[in-house]
Protein backbone atom coordinates (compact mmCIF):
# COMPACT_ATOMS: atom_id res chain seq x y z
CA UNK A 1 -72.71 34.73 110.72
CA UNK A 2 -71.35 33.22 113.95
CA UNK A 3 -67.78 33.03 115.12
CA UNK A 4 -65.64 29.92 114.67
CA UNK A 5 -62.26 28.69 115.87
CA UNK A 6 -59.94 25.83 114.99
CA UNK A 7 -59.59 23.71 118.14
CA UNK A 8 -56.90 21.10 118.71
CA UNK A 9 -56.90 19.03 121.88
CA UNK A 10 -53.70 17.07 122.45
CA UNK A 11 -52.63 13.82 124.16
CA UNK A 12 -55.17 12.57 126.72
CA UNK A 13 -57.53 15.46 125.92
CA UNK A 14 -58.06 14.26 122.31
CA UNK A 15 -60.95 12.08 123.46
CA UNK A 16 -62.93 15.27 124.22
CA UNK A 17 -62.44 16.72 120.74
CA UNK A 18 -65.83 17.37 119.14
CA UNK A 19 -66.65 16.48 115.58
CA UNK A 20 -65.88 19.47 113.39
CA UNK A 21 -63.24 20.86 115.78
CA UNK A 22 -61.41 22.38 112.81
CA UNK A 23 -64.37 24.79 112.39
CA UNK A 24 -65.94 24.94 115.84
CA UNK A 25 -68.69 27.51 116.46
CA UNK A 26 -68.21 29.71 119.52
CA UNK A 27 -69.85 32.73 121.07
CA UNK A 28 -67.68 35.79 120.41
CA UNK A 29 -66.05 36.69 123.74
CA UNK A 30 -66.36 33.14 125.11
CA UNK A 31 -63.44 32.26 127.37
CA UNK A 32 -61.31 29.17 126.93
CA UNK A 33 -62.59 27.98 130.32
CA UNK A 34 -66.23 28.33 129.22
CA UNK A 35 -65.45 26.47 126.01
CA UNK A 36 -63.73 23.62 127.85
CA UNK A 37 -66.67 23.38 130.26
CA UNK A 38 -69.13 23.31 127.35
CA UNK A 39 -67.15 20.47 125.72
CA UNK A 40 -66.94 18.47 128.96
CA UNK A 41 -63.16 18.75 129.26
CA UNK A 42 -62.10 18.40 132.93
CA UNK A 43 -60.59 21.78 133.80
CA UNK A 44 -58.01 20.22 136.12
CA UNK A 45 -56.62 18.31 133.12
CA UNK A 46 -55.84 21.49 131.13
CA UNK A 47 -52.26 22.65 131.64
CA UNK A 48 -51.32 24.77 128.61
CA UNK A 49 -53.37 26.84 126.19
CA UNK A 50 -51.97 28.35 123.00
CA UNK A 51 -53.92 30.82 120.89
CA UNK A 52 -52.48 31.43 117.43
CA UNK A 53 -49.19 29.99 118.69
CA UNK A 54 -48.97 32.33 121.70
CA UNK A 55 -49.39 31.12 125.26
CA UNK A 56 -52.82 32.02 126.60
CA UNK A 57 -54.87 30.93 129.57
CA UNK A 58 -58.25 29.70 130.68
CA UNK A 59 -59.48 33.29 131.02
CA UNK A 60 -58.46 34.23 127.46
CA UNK A 61 -61.37 35.55 125.40
CA UNK A 62 -61.99 34.11 121.95
CA UNK A 63 -63.39 36.31 119.19
CA UNK A 64 -63.41 33.90 116.26
CA UNK A 65 -60.79 32.93 113.72
CA UNK A 66 -58.24 31.77 116.28
CA UNK A 67 -56.32 28.50 116.28
CA UNK A 68 -56.54 27.13 119.83
CA UNK A 69 -54.33 24.31 121.11
CA UNK A 70 -54.96 22.78 124.53
CA UNK A 71 -52.51 20.45 126.29
CA UNK A 72 -52.72 18.35 129.47
CA UNK A 73 -49.78 18.11 131.88
CA UNK A 74 -47.12 16.14 130.06
CA UNK A 75 -44.49 14.16 131.90
CA UNK A 76 -41.11 13.37 130.47
CA UNK A 77 -37.95 11.78 131.50
């Protein structure tokens, strides 16, 4: 049985969210960067990555079972 994650892309990145993102198949050991590249998400638009609620990064390895949230730069005022 393959590995799966729950992926949530936020704000302007939502348009890149694949169908079935709540149970997305991955290769065990795949990095967040490799996953974003595979999904066609522009890497320069990724600002924050959270894995199971903890700040991660593009080089974080995924094993399966994680909840991954990806955010673009967000301006405020």
